[in-house]
Amino acid sequence: MSQFVESIKINKGKIYNLKYHLQRMNNTCLMNYGKYLSPNLHSIIYKNIPKEETKMLKCRIVYDTEIRDIQFVEYQYRNIKSIKLVWDDNIVYDYKSVDRTHLDNLYKLREEHDEIIIVKNGLITDAYYFNIVLRYGNILFTPEKPLLGGTMRRCLVGKRRIIPTEISVPVLMNCDNVYLINALNPLGKIVLTPEKLY
């Protein structure tokens, strides 16, 4: 049976974007097993949070038809200075699966760079562990068809802070800034310029 994973930000006891995580978990279970995963996730997380923890944590939940494992680890931000573009028209990662073999193989192509951006059918999709946001002047765009729509991306789209659209490589290279976002990295935490794309 396939297993899936959810990574949730917890900072000083606050759980971030829980509704989006639970929606994705339930959708994953419905599409793969034909039923919802309906735990009281909020209570489960609070019950297991290490006591008196003041650092930012990543809560990692492994599940299939039910929750199989839950872990809390101190989150370490990555220092990303350059990104390698890689091309793959066949990659599919519709659900946040524990099995990331295809992504891992693409990540190995990064050479001396810190991260990858995956191009599929001529369009920008995602980075290895991140969704992508591009700034053009005062407007922020995100790929219309990411490999996996993350919870931070969904939150920002819902607030109309970022606009989904098709983004080609030439368009990417003409942006002002590239932002990498995920559940633990808000907009503005990781910022690069197009000169750092290879």
Protein backbone atom coordinates (compact mmCIF):
# COMPACT_ATOMS: atom_id res chain seq x y z
CA MET A 1 0.00 0.00 0.00
CA SER A 2 1.30 3.44 -0.92
CA GLN A 3 2.07 5.79 1.92
CA PHE A 4 1.89 9.55 1.96
CA VAL A 5 3.46 12.26 4.09
CA GLU A 6 2.43 15.66 5.38
CA SER A 7 4.86 18.23 6.79
CA ILE A 8 3.34 20.86 9.06
CA LYS A 9 4.92 23.96 10.58
CA ILE A 10 4.68 24.41 14.33
CA ASN A 11 6.19 27.46 15.98
CA LYS A 12 5.92 28.10 19.72
CA GLY A 13 2.95 25.75 19.90
CA LYS A 14 1.06 27.31 16.98
CA ILE A 15 0.05 24.98 14.13
CA TYR A 16 0.13 26.71 10.72
CA ASN A 17 -2.37 26.21 7.88
CA LEU A 18 -3.83 23.08 9.44
CA LYS A 19 -7.05 23.24 7.41
CA TYR A 20 -5.10 23.09 4.14
CA HIS A 21 -3.05 20.13 5.37
CA LEU A 22 -6.16 18.25 6.47
CA GLN A 23 -7.90 19.00 3.16
CA ARG A 24 -4.95 17.60 1.22
CA MET A 25 -4.74 14.50 3.42
CA ASN A 26 -8.45 13.82 3.02
CA ASN A 27 -8.31 14.37 -0.74
CA THR A 28 -5.32 12.05 -1.01
CA CYS A 29 -7.14 9.31 0.89
CA LEU A 30 -10.35 9.78 -1.08
CA MET A 31 -8.58 9.55 -4.44
CA ASN A 32 -6.34 6.63 -3.47
CA TYR A 33 -8.49 4.61 -1.05
CA GLY A 34 -12.03 5.80 -1.72
CA LYS A 35 -12.60 7.19 1.77
CA TYR A 36 -11.67 10.15 3.91
CA LEU A 37 -9.00 10.19 6.56
CA SER A 38 -10.84 11.86 9.42
CA PRO A 39 -8.69 11.99 12.51
CA ASN A 40 -8.87 14.85 14.93
CA LEU A 41 -5.51 15.95 13.60
CA HIS A 42 -5.36 19.10 15.71
CA SER A 43 -5.71 17.06 18.93
CA ILE A 44 -3.25 14.41 17.75
CA ILE A 45 -0.58 17.01 17.03
CA TYR A 46 -1.11 18.91 20.27
CA LYS A 47 -1.03 15.67 22.24
CA ASN A 48 2.36 14.78 20.77
CA ILE A 49 4.14 18.16 20.63
CA PRO A 50 7.27 18.02 22.81
CA LYS A 51 6.60 19.91 26.02
CA GLU A 52 8.15 23.34 26.55
CA GLU A 53 9.36 23.44 22.94
CA THR A 54 10.04 26.99 21.76
CA LYS A 55 11.89 26.28 18.50
CA MET A 56 10.27 25.92 15.12
CA LEU A 57 9.33 22.32 14.46
CA LYS A 58 8.44 20.27 11.44
CA CYS A 59 5.66 17.84 12.24
CA ARG A 60 6.02 14.90 9.83
CA ILE A 61 2.98 12.67 9.51
CA VAL A 62 3.10 9.41 7.55
CA TYR A 63 -0.28 7.93 6.65
CA ASP A 64 -2.26 5.69 4.33
CA THR A 65 -5.78 4.74 5.40
CA GLU A 66 -4.81 5.95 8.88
CA ILE A 67 -1.96 7.79 10.57
CA ARG A 68 1.06 5.47 10.81
CA ASP A 69 3.73 7.73 12.28
CA ILE A 70 4.10 11.23 13.65
CA GLN A 71 7.43 12.89 14.40
CA PHE A 72 8.58 16.34 15.48
CA VAL A 73 12.01 17.61 14.47
CA GLU A 74 13.64 21.01 14.74
CA TYR A 75 13.49 22.62 11.31
CA GLN A 76 16.71 23.79 9.70
CA TYR A 77 16.39 26.36 6.93
CA ARG A 78 18.34 25.61 3.76
CA ASN A 79 20.81 28.09 2.32
CA ILE A 80 19.93 28.14 -1.39
CA LYS A 81 22.21 30.26 -3.54
CA SER A 82 21.71 28.81 -7.02
CA ILE A 83 19.20 26.67 -8.92
CA LYS A 84 19.62 24.27 -11.83
CA LEU A 85 16.81 23.91 -14.39
CA VAL A 86 16.06 20.28 -15.30
CA TRP A 87 13.66 18.98 -17.95
CA ASP A 88 11.28 16.01 -17.60
CA ASP A 89 8.04 15.72 -19.56
CA ASN A 90 6.98 12.47 -17.87
CA ILE A 91 7.18 13.27 -14.18
CA VAL A 92 3.97 12.91 -12.16
CA TYR A 93 3.74 13.76 -8.45
CA ASP A 94 0.05 14.46 -7.87
CA TYR A 95 0.12 13.37 -4.22
CA LYS A 96 2.69 13.94 -1.48
CA SER A 97 4.01 10.40 -1.55
CA VAL A 98 6.72 8.98 0.69
CA ASP A 99 8.23 7.57 -2.52
CA ARG A 100 10.10 10.46 -4.17
CA THR A 101 12.33 8.32 -6.41
CA HIS A 102 11.57 10.24 -9.61
CA LEU A 103 12.16 13.58 -7.90
CA ASP A 104 15.32 12.25 -6.25
CA ASN A 105 16.73 11.27 -9.63
CA LEU A 106 16.08 14.75 -10.99
CA TYR A 107 17.64 16.32 -7.90
CA LYS A 108 20.85 14.41 -8.62
CA LEU A 109 21.16 16.43 -11.84
CA ARG A 110 21.68 19.70 -9.97
CA GLU A 111 25.51 19.46 -10.26
CA GLU A 112 27.10 22.09 -7.97
CA HIS A 113 23.82 23.94 -7.43
CA ASP A 114 21.63 23.86 -4.33
CA GLU A 115 18.18 23.24 -5.79
CA ILE A 116 16.39 22.39 -9.04
CA ILE A 117 13.44 23.81 -10.95
CA ILE A 118 11.58 21.19 -12.97
CA VAL A 119 10.42 22.08 -16.48
CA LYS A 120 7.63 19.89 -17.88
CA ASN A 121 6.33 20.30 -21.44
CA GLY A 122 8.08 23.65 -21.68
CA LEU A 123 6.51 25.08 -18.52
CA ILE A 124 7.84 25.72 -15.04
CA THR A 125 6.37 23.43 -12.37
CA ASP A 126 8.09 23.12 -8.99
CA ALA A 127 11.44 22.94 -7.26
CA TYR A 128 12.50 19.77 -5.42
CA TYR A 129 10.90 20.64 -2.08
CA PHE A 130 9.20 23.93 -2.97
CA ASN A 131 6.52 25.64 -4.98
CA ILE A 132 7.67 28.64 -6.99
CA VAL A 133 6.58 32.28 -6.98
CA LEU A 134 7.91 34.90 -9.40
CA ARG A 135 7.86 38.66 -8.95
CA TYR A 136 7.37 41.01 -11.89
CA GLY A 137 7.28 44.53 -10.54
CA ASN A 138 4.55 44.55 -7.90
CA ILE A 139 2.79 41.41 -9.15
CA LEU A 140 3.47 37.86 -7.96
CA PHE A 141 2.82 34.83 -10.16
CA THR A 142 3.00 31.08 -9.53
CA PRO A 143 2.93 28.20 -12.03
CA GLU A 144 -0.64 27.30 -12.92
CA LYS A 145 0.14 23.58 -12.92
CA PRO A 146 2.65 22.71 -10.21
CA LEU A 147 3.56 19.07 -9.74
CA LEU A 148 2.06 19.31 -6.26
CA GLY A 149 0.06 22.28 -5.03
CA GLY A 150 1.47 23.00 -1.57
CA THR A 151 -0.41 24.34 1.42
CA MET A 152 1.48 27.65 1.50
CA ARG A 153 0.80 28.15 -2.21
CA ARG A 154 -2.87 27.35 -1.70
CA CYS A 155 -3.10 29.81 1.18
CA LEU A 156 -1.48 32.60 -0.86
CA VAL A 157 -3.67 31.90 -3.90
CA GLY A 158 -6.74 31.93 -1.66
CA LYS A 159 -5.72 35.34 -0.32
CA ARG A 160 -5.10 36.53 -3.90
CA ARG A 161 -1.52 37.42 -3.08
CA ILE A 162 -0.20 35.29 -5.94
CA ILE A 163 -1.71 34.66 -9.38
CA PRO A 164 -1.54 31.23 -11.05
CA THR A 165 -0.47 31.38 -14.70
CA GLU A 166 1.53 29.41 -17.26
CA ILE A 167 5.23 30.26 -16.99
CA SER A 168 7.73 29.34 -19.70
CA VAL A 169 11.50 29.31 -19.27
CA PRO A 170 11.97 32.69 -21.07
CA VAL A 171 9.32 34.23 -18.82
CA LEU A 172 11.07 32.78 -15.77
CA MET A 173 14.38 34.26 -16.85
CA ASN A 174 12.85 37.73 -17.17
CA CYS A 175 11.35 37.94 -13.69
CA ASP A 176 12.66 40.25 -10.99
CA ASN A 177 12.84 37.62 -8.24
CA VAL A 178 12.27 33.93 -7.65
CA TYR A 179 10.73 32.90 -4.33
CA LEU A 180 10.69 29.32 -3.04
CA ILE A 181 7.80 28.52 -0.70
CA ASN A 182 6.49 25.54 1.21
CA ALA A 183 4.71 24.81 4.47
CA LEU A 184 7.77 25.82 6.49
CA ASN A 185 9.10 28.59 4.25
CA PRO A 186 6.80 31.59 3.85
CA LEU A 187 6.95 34.03 0.96
CA GLY A 188 10.16 36.05 1.20
CA LYS A 189 12.21 33.56 3.22
CA ILE A 190 14.10 32.20 0.18
CA VAL A 191 14.66 34.76 -2.58
CA LEU A 192 16.90 34.57 -5.65
CA THR A 193 17.41 36.58 -8.82
CA PRO A 194 17.30 35.09 -12.35
CA GLU A 195 21.10 35.39 -12.52
CA LYS A 196 21.23 32.50 -10.04
CA LEU A 197 19.31 30.16 -12.37
CA TYR A 198 21.34 27.81 -14.55
